[in-house]
């Protein structure tokens, strides 16, 4: 009898710590999770349209708990194009649905750190991921071509970063295209020695029809309309883009501050939300996506009390845009651009 009672007591003693652990676990689960590890919970993934924008960073200047500095990825069917690469852009790519090795083009709007500091790290990672890259034509190992576009000084920055760190990109062929402002347009000249007569096929007559044998050929269908996206960097005057970005499907425009601080914004080379809406109206954009928010404005989903949020900036942009199609972008926001119908 004593032995039986001892076994019961021992079992109860072993269950006691387990019960306390279960109670503590239930208590922790009942508390709203606000840690930094749960701020970027992946939502249910949407199907890929073959052409979509993915916002990797929407903060101005420096990162915050909820936002990474500037970075936008244009995801295509077989490649990815990056527009600005701030610090942390590589980690944002890895946390998203984008396949990092498929990134082939980079576009840097200007040489500010919050648009540039992540580029060397991404190139080094791409070099590691393409160690076994094979040329799609020859099917042999080759260096993958990477194109980087940006202003004057971009090559010097990358060269200094890699040489200082003794980094060699052995699996990539990186070509830096530095774009220099110029009002001189090259004139096109047609030289007679390069002119050739195109072959002319005789038209069918009503008496003779020559039936050709079966062979390969192209069938032309109705003309398909393209998809157009305009992505602007820091800008206090977007008027030069009005004609180029006309009738774009999506306009990505910065809205660093509200219009109450317009003098401060323009002085620092930035736009307000109202200025972004005006630019979208002039470009006849279908959707305006605001980004590059100052830390003064919290995420629209946060209960900020009396603080202003990015939703206030979106409402301000709607007034000058004249449309409700204004999106305050957040990190990992995906905006698909569906293929338009044929003409």
Protein backbone atom coordinates (compact mmCIF):
# COMPACT_ATOMS: atom_id res chain seq x y z
CA UNK A 1 0.00 0.00 0.00
CA UNK A 2 2.83 2.31 0.86
CA UNK A 3 4.54 1.51 -2.42
CA UNK A 4 1.40 2.36 -4.39
CA UNK A 5 1.01 5.67 -2.59
CA UNK A 6 4.66 6.47 -3.29
CA UNK A 7 4.22 5.86 -7.01
CA UNK A 8 1.18 8.17 -7.10
CA UNK A 9 3.10 10.89 -5.27
CA UNK A 10 6.05 10.53 -7.64
CA UNK A 11 3.78 10.76 -10.71
CA UNK A 12 2.10 13.86 -9.30
CA UNK A 13 5.49 15.43 -8.60
CA UNK A 14 6.58 14.78 -12.22
CA UNK A 15 3.38 16.26 -13.63
CA UNK A 16 3.68 19.45 -11.57
CA UNK A 17 6.47 21.09 -13.62
CA UNK A 18 4.72 20.09 -16.85
CA UNK A 19 1.47 21.69 -15.71
CA UNK A 20 3.28 24.92 -14.85
CA UNK A 21 4.95 24.92 -18.27
CA UNK A 22 1.60 24.41 -19.99
CA UNK A 23 0.04 27.23 -17.98
CA UNK A 24 2.91 29.55 -18.88
CA UNK A 25 2.65 28.61 -22.56
CA UNK A 26 -1.10 29.32 -22.56
CA UNK A 27 -0.45 32.68 -20.90
CA UNK A 28 2.17 33.64 -23.48
CA UNK A 29 -0.13 32.66 -26.34
CA UNK A 30 -2.90 34.87 -24.97
CA UNK A 31 -0.69 37.99 -25.04
CA UNK A 32 -0.66 39.98 -28.34
CA UNK A 33 2.64 39.37 -30.08
CA UNK A 34 4.40 42.68 -30.65
CA UNK A 35 8.02 41.59 -30.91
CA UNK A 36 10.14 42.47 -33.93
CA UNK A 37 10.10 38.80 -34.98
CA UNK A 38 6.37 38.92 -35.73
CA UNK A 39 6.11 42.32 -37.40
CA UNK A 40 6.60 40.94 -40.91
CA UNK A 41 4.26 37.97 -40.98
CA UNK A 42 3.87 36.69 -44.51
CA UNK A 43 0.31 36.92 -45.74
CA UNK A 44 -1.34 34.45 -48.05
CA UNK A 45 0.55 34.60 -51.33
CA UNK A 46 -1.22 35.73 -54.47
CA UNK A 47 -0.66 34.13 -57.85
CA UNK A 48 2.13 35.69 -59.93
CA UNK A 49 0.88 37.78 -62.86
CA UNK A 50 4.24 37.80 -64.68
CA UNK A 51 4.74 41.51 -63.98
CA UNK A 52 4.53 42.97 -60.49
CA UNK A 53 6.14 45.44 -58.13
CA UNK A 54 7.45 44.35 -54.75
CA UNK A 55 8.34 47.01 -52.19
CA UNK A 56 11.39 45.95 -50.19
CA UNK A 57 11.80 49.21 -48.30
CA UNK A 58 9.61 52.29 -47.82
CA UNK A 59 11.51 54.30 -45.22
CA UNK A 60 13.37 57.56 -45.82
CA UNK A 61 16.91 57.95 -44.60
CA UNK A 62 17.36 55.04 -42.22
CA UNK A 63 15.60 51.80 -41.26
CA UNK A 64 13.02 51.45 -38.54
CA UNK A 65 11.43 48.48 -36.82
CA UNK A 66 8.72 48.23 -39.47
CA UNK A 67 10.42 49.68 -42.53
CA UNK A 68 13.62 49.11 -44.46
CA UNK A 69 15.12 51.98 -46.46
CA UNK A 70 14.29 52.41 -50.11
CA UNK A 71 14.13 49.45 -52.47
CA UNK A 72 11.69 48.31 -55.16
CA UNK A 73 11.87 45.06 -57.11
CA UNK A 74 10.20 44.65 -60.50
CA UNK A 75 9.50 40.95 -60.75
CA UNK A 76 9.28 39.58 -64.28
CA UNK A 77 8.73 36.09 -65.63
CA UNK A 78 12.41 35.09 -65.88
CA UNK A 79 14.31 37.89 -64.14
CA UNK A 80 14.13 40.55 -61.46
CA UNK A 81 15.05 44.22 -61.74
CA UNK A 82 16.03 46.16 -58.64
CA UNK A 83 15.40 49.89 -58.28
CA UNK A 84 17.59 51.31 -55.51
CA UNK A 85 19.28 49.01 -53.01
CA UNK A 86 19.46 50.36 -49.48
CA UNK A 87 21.06 48.54 -46.58
CA UNK A 88 19.15 45.39 -45.75
CA UNK A 89 17.73 44.96 -49.25
CA UNK A 90 19.29 41.51 -49.59
CA UNK A 91 17.59 40.25 -46.44
CA UNK A 92 14.31 41.72 -47.62
CA UNK A 93 14.69 39.84 -50.91
CA UNK A 94 15.31 36.59 -49.06
CA UNK A 95 12.21 37.09 -46.92
CA UNK A 96 10.05 37.73 -49.98
CA UNK A 97 8.81 35.49 -52.78
CA UNK A 98 11.57 36.64 -55.13
CA UNK A 99 14.32 34.25 -56.24
CA UNK A 100 17.52 36.17 -55.56
CA UNK A 101 19.69 34.49 -58.27
CA UNK A 102 17.31 35.73 -60.98
CA UNK A 103 18.16 39.38 -60.27
CA UNK A 104 19.95 40.67 -63.38
CA UNK A 105 19.55 44.46 -63.50
CA UNK A 106 20.01 47.22 -60.94
CA UNK A 107 18.93 50.84 -61.30
CA UNK A 108 20.31 53.36 -58.80
CA UNK A 109 18.49 56.70 -58.82
CA UNK A 110 21.21 58.65 -56.98
CA UNK A 111 24.21 58.07 -54.74
CA UNK A 112 22.64 58.62 -51.32
CA UNK A 113 23.33 55.89 -48.78
CA UNK A 114 19.68 55.01 -48.23
CA UNK A 115 19.46 54.10 -51.92
CA UNK A 116 22.86 52.51 -52.47
CA UNK A 117 24.55 50.85 -49.48
CA UNK A 118 23.00 47.43 -50.10
CA UNK A 119 24.26 47.04 -53.67
CA UNK A 120 27.78 45.63 -53.00
CA UNK A 121 26.40 42.97 -50.68
CA UNK A 122 23.77 41.82 -53.17
CA UNK A 123 26.38 41.54 -55.93
CA UNK A 124 28.62 39.41 -53.69
CA UNK A 125 25.71 37.09 -52.88
CA UNK A 126 24.77 36.82 -56.56
CA UNK A 127 28.38 35.86 -57.29
CA UNK A 128 28.10 32.97 -54.82
CA UNK A 129 24.74 31.83 -56.18
CA UNK A 130 25.94 31.74 -59.80
CA UNK A 131 28.97 29.49 -59.31
CA UNK A 132 27.35 26.83 -61.51
CA UNK A 133 25.59 29.15 -63.96
CA UNK A 134 25.42 27.82 -67.52
CA UNK A 135 24.97 29.91 -70.61
CA UNK A 136 21.46 29.26 -72.01
CA UNK A 137 22.84 29.02 -75.57
CA UNK A 138 26.09 27.08 -75.22
CA UNK A 139 25.04 25.16 -72.08
CA UNK A 140 28.54 25.70 -70.70
CA UNK A 141 29.71 27.33 -67.48
CA UNK A 142 29.95 31.08 -67.92
CA UNK A 143 29.91 34.32 -65.98
CA UNK A 144 26.40 35.69 -65.62
CA UNK A 145 25.84 39.17 -67.04
CA UNK A 146 24.68 41.81 -64.56
CA UNK A 147 23.86 45.37 -65.65
CA UNK A 148 24.01 48.24 -63.18
CA UNK A 149 22.66 51.65 -64.19
CA UNK A 150 23.17 54.86 -62.26
CA UNK A 151 24.68 58.34 -62.14
CA UNK A 152 28.29 59.35 -62.55
CA UNK A 153 30.40 58.02 -59.69
CA UNK A 154 28.65 54.66 -59.33
CA UNK A 155 31.54 52.72 -60.89
CA UNK A 156 34.04 54.43 -58.59
CA UNK A 157 31.92 53.54 -55.55
CA UNK A 158 31.66 49.85 -56.45
CA UNK A 159 35.31 49.63 -57.43
CA UNK A 160 36.36 51.17 -54.11
CA UNK A 161 34.06 48.91 -52.10
CA UNK A 162 35.30 45.71 -53.73
CA UNK A 163 38.98 46.63 -53.85
CA UNK A 164 39.02 47.75 -50.21
CA UNK A 165 37.46 44.47 -49.10
CA UNK A 166 39.62 42.38 -51.49
CA UNK A 167 36.49 41.05 -53.20
CA UNK A 168 36.61 39.42 -56.63
CA UNK A 169 33.44 38.65 -58.56
CA UNK A 170 34.53 35.55 -60.47
CA UNK A 171 31.08 34.29 -61.48
CA UNK A 172 29.57 37.58 -62.64
CA UNK A 173 30.22 39.91 -65.54
CA UNK A 174 29.15 43.24 -64.05
CA UNK A 175 28.72 46.14 -66.47
CA UNK A 176 28.20 49.58 -64.92
CA UNK A 177 26.34 52.08 -67.11
CA UNK A 178 26.86 55.62 -65.82
CA UNK A 179 24.20 57.98 -67.14
CA UNK A 180 25.41 61.54 -67.68
CA UNK A 181 23.00 64.42 -68.26
CA UNK A 182 23.42 65.92 -71.71
CA UNK A 183 21.35 68.15 -73.96
CA UNK A 184 23.27 67.01 -77.04
CA UNK A 185 21.45 64.43 -79.09
CA UNK A 186 23.40 62.39 -81.61
CA UNK A 187 22.22 62.84 -85.17
CA UNK A 188 21.28 59.77 -87.15
CA UNK A 189 22.80 59.49 -90.62
CA UNK A 190 21.80 56.94 -93.24
CA UNK A 191 24.74 55.83 -95.36
CA UNK A 192 24.03 54.61 -98.87
CA UNK A 193 26.47 51.69 -98.68
CA UNK A 194 24.45 50.15 -95.86
CA UNK A 195 21.14 50.37 -97.73
CA UNK A 196 19.75 47.18 -99.26
CA UNK A 197 16.58 46.43 -101.14
CA UNK A 198 14.27 44.13 -99.25
CA UNK A 199 12.96 41.11 -101.16
CA UNK A 200 9.59 41.76 -102.77
CA UNK A 201 7.15 38.90 -103.09
CA UNK A 202 4.88 39.12 -106.17
CA UNK A 203 1.22 39.47 -105.38
CA UNK A 204 -1.25 36.78 -106.26
CA UNK A 205 -3.03 37.02 -109.59
CA UNK A 206 -6.51 35.85 -110.31
CA UNK A 207 -5.23 33.26 -112.83
CA UNK A 208 -2.33 31.58 -111.06
CA UNK A 209 -1.93 30.57 -107.45
CA UNK A 210 1.34 28.86 -106.50
CA UNK A 211 0.78 26.55 -103.55
CA UNK A 212 3.88 26.41 -101.34
CA UNK A 213 4.87 23.37 -99.33
CA UNK A 214 4.38 23.31 -95.57
CA UNK A 215 7.08 25.07 -93.58
CA UNK A 216 7.81 27.15 -90.51
CA UNK A 217 6.29 30.59 -90.26
CA UNK A 218 5.10 33.27 -87.88
CA UNK A 219 1.47 34.04 -87.29
CA UNK A 220 0.75 37.60 -86.25
CA UNK A 221 -2.21 38.18 -83.99
CA UNK A 222 -3.81 41.32 -82.61
CA UNK A 223 -1.39 43.89 -81.20
CA UNK A 224 -0.89 43.42 -77.47
CA UNK A 225 -0.67 46.49 -75.27
CA UNK A 226 2.35 46.79 -73.00
CA UNK A 227 2.60 47.44 -69.28
CA UNK A 228 4.21 50.62 -68.02
CA UNK A 229 5.63 51.47 -64.60
CA UNK A 230 7.30 54.73 -63.57
CA UNK A 231 9.59 54.67 -60.52
CA UNK A 232 10.98 57.97 -59.28
CA UNK A 233 13.72 58.51 -56.72
CA UNK A 234 14.13 61.55 -54.50
CA UNK A 235 12.57 64.44 -56.37
CA UNK A 236 11.44 67.97 -55.57
CA UNK A 237 10.37 68.54 -59.20
CA UNK A 238 9.04 65.67 -61.32
CA UNK A 239 7.93 67.79 -64.28
CA UNK A 240 10.53 66.29 -66.65
CA UNK A 241 8.88 62.91 -66.22
CA UNK A 242 5.38 64.05 -67.17
CA UNK A 243 5.75 63.13 -70.86
CA UNK A 244 7.91 60.03 -70.40
CA UNK A 245 5.64 58.47 -67.79
CA UNK A 246 2.38 59.41 -69.49
CA UNK A 247 -0.45 56.87 -69.01
CA UNK A 248 1.64 54.62 -66.77
CA UNK A 249 -0.08 51.76 -64.97
CA UNK A 250 1.70 52.47 -61.67
CA UNK A 251 3.59 55.54 -60.52
CA UNK A 252 5.92 55.02 -57.57
CA UNK A 253 6.55 58.46 -56.09
CA UNK A 254 8.12 59.56 -52.85
CA UNK A 255 6.02 61.33 -50.21
CA UNK A 256 8.56 62.10 -47.53
CA UNK A 257 6.55 64.80 -45.75
CA UNK A 258 3.09 66.32 -45.69
CA UNK A 259 2.43 69.60 -47.48
CA UNK A 260 2.52 71.50 -44.20
CA UNK A 261 6.32 71.05 -44.40
CA UNK A 262 6.65 71.79 -48.12
CA UNK A 263 9.49 74.30 -47.69
CA UNK A 264 11.52 71.83 -45.67
CA UNK A 265 10.81 69.06 -48.19
CA UNK A 266 11.81 71.07 -51.27
CA UNK A 267 14.92 72.42 -49.54
CA UNK A 268 16.09 68.85 -48.97
CA UNK A 269 15.18 67.71 -52.49
CA UNK A 270 12.04 65.80 -51.53
CA UNK A 271 8.33 65.86 -52.36
CA UNK A 272 5.21 66.07 -50.27
CA UNK A 273 2.19 63.83 -50.69
CA UNK A 274 0.29 66.62 -52.44
CA UNK A 275 3.16 67.06 -54.90
CA UNK A 276 3.11 63.32 -55.59
CA UNK A 277 -0.62 63.44 -56.30
CA UNK A 278 -0.15 66.38 -58.66
CA UNK A 279 2.56 64.49 -60.56
CA UNK A 280 0.31 61.43 -60.86
CA UNK A 281 -2.46 63.61 -62.28
CA UNK A 282 -0.14 65.14 -64.88
CA UNK A 283 1.10 61.68 -65.88
CA UNK A 284 -2.44 60.30 -66.00
CA UNK A 285 -1.32 57.38 -63.87
CA UNK A 286 -3.77 54.61 -63.04
CA UNK A 287 -2.36 53.91 -59.56
CA UNK A 288 -0.16 56.07 -57.35
CA UNK A 289 2.02 54.22 -54.84
CA UNK A 290 3.55 56.42 -52.16
CA UNK A 291 6.86 55.50 -50.54
CA UNK A 292 9.99 56.98 -48.86
CA UNK A 293 8.11 58.06 -45.73
CA UNK A 294 9.66 60.13 -42.99
CA UNK A 295 9.80 58.58 -39.52
CA UNK A 296 7.29 61.23 -38.46
CA UNK A 297 4.58 59.15 -40.09
CA UNK A 298 3.79 55.76 -38.66
CA UNK A 299 2.40 52.77 -40.47
CA UNK A 300 -1.29 53.19 -41.21
CA UNK A 301 -2.23 49.96 -39.40
CA UNK A 302 -0.72 51.11 -36.08
CA UNK A 303 -2.92 52.75 -33.47
CA UNK A 304 -0.86 55.95 -33.39
CA UNK A 305 -3.22 58.06 -31.29
CA UNK A 306 -2.68 61.69 -32.23
CA UNK A 307 0.33 60.88 -34.43
CA UNK A 308 -0.04 61.13 -38.17
CA UNK A 309 0.23 57.98 -40.27
CA UNK A 310 0.91 57.17 -43.90
CA UNK A 311 -2.85 57.03 -44.41
CA UNK A 312 -2.96 60.80 -43.85
CA UNK A 313 -0.40 61.20 -46.62
CA UNK A 314 -2.51 59.03 -48.93
CA UNK A 315 -5.58 61.17 -48.27
CA UNK A 316 -3.55 64.29 -48.97
CA UNK A 317 -2.35 62.85 -52.29
CA UNK A 318 -5.90 61.90 -53.28
CA UNK A 319 -6.97 65.55 -53.14
CA UNK A 320 -4.44 66.66 -55.77
CA UNK A 321 -4.58 63.42 -57.77
CA UNK A 322 -8.34 63.54 -58.14
CA UNK A 323 -8.59 59.75 -57.78
CA UNK A 324 -8.88 57.35 -54.91
CA UNK A 325 -6.29 54.99 -56.41
CA UNK A 326 -3.53 55.97 -53.96
CA UNK A 327 -1.66 53.27 -52.03
CA UNK A 328 0.59 54.03 -49.04
CA UNK A 329 3.19 51.35 -49.66
CA UNK A 330 4.55 49.14 -46.90
CA UNK A 331 7.41 46.66 -46.87
CA UNK A 332 6.64 43.47 -48.83
CA UNK A 333 3.60 45.02 -50.52
CA UNK A 334 2.99 43.39 -53.90
CA UNK A 335 1.19 45.27 -56.68
CA UNK A 336 0.54 43.04 -59.71
CA UNK A 337 0.10 44.59 -63.14
CA UNK A 338 -2.14 42.31 -65.22
CA UNK A 339 -1.67 42.01 -68.94
CA UNK A 340 -4.00 44.42 -70.77
CA UNK A 341 -6.41 43.14 -73.41
CA UNK A 342 -5.51 43.14 -77.09
CA UNK A 343 -6.38 46.11 -79.24
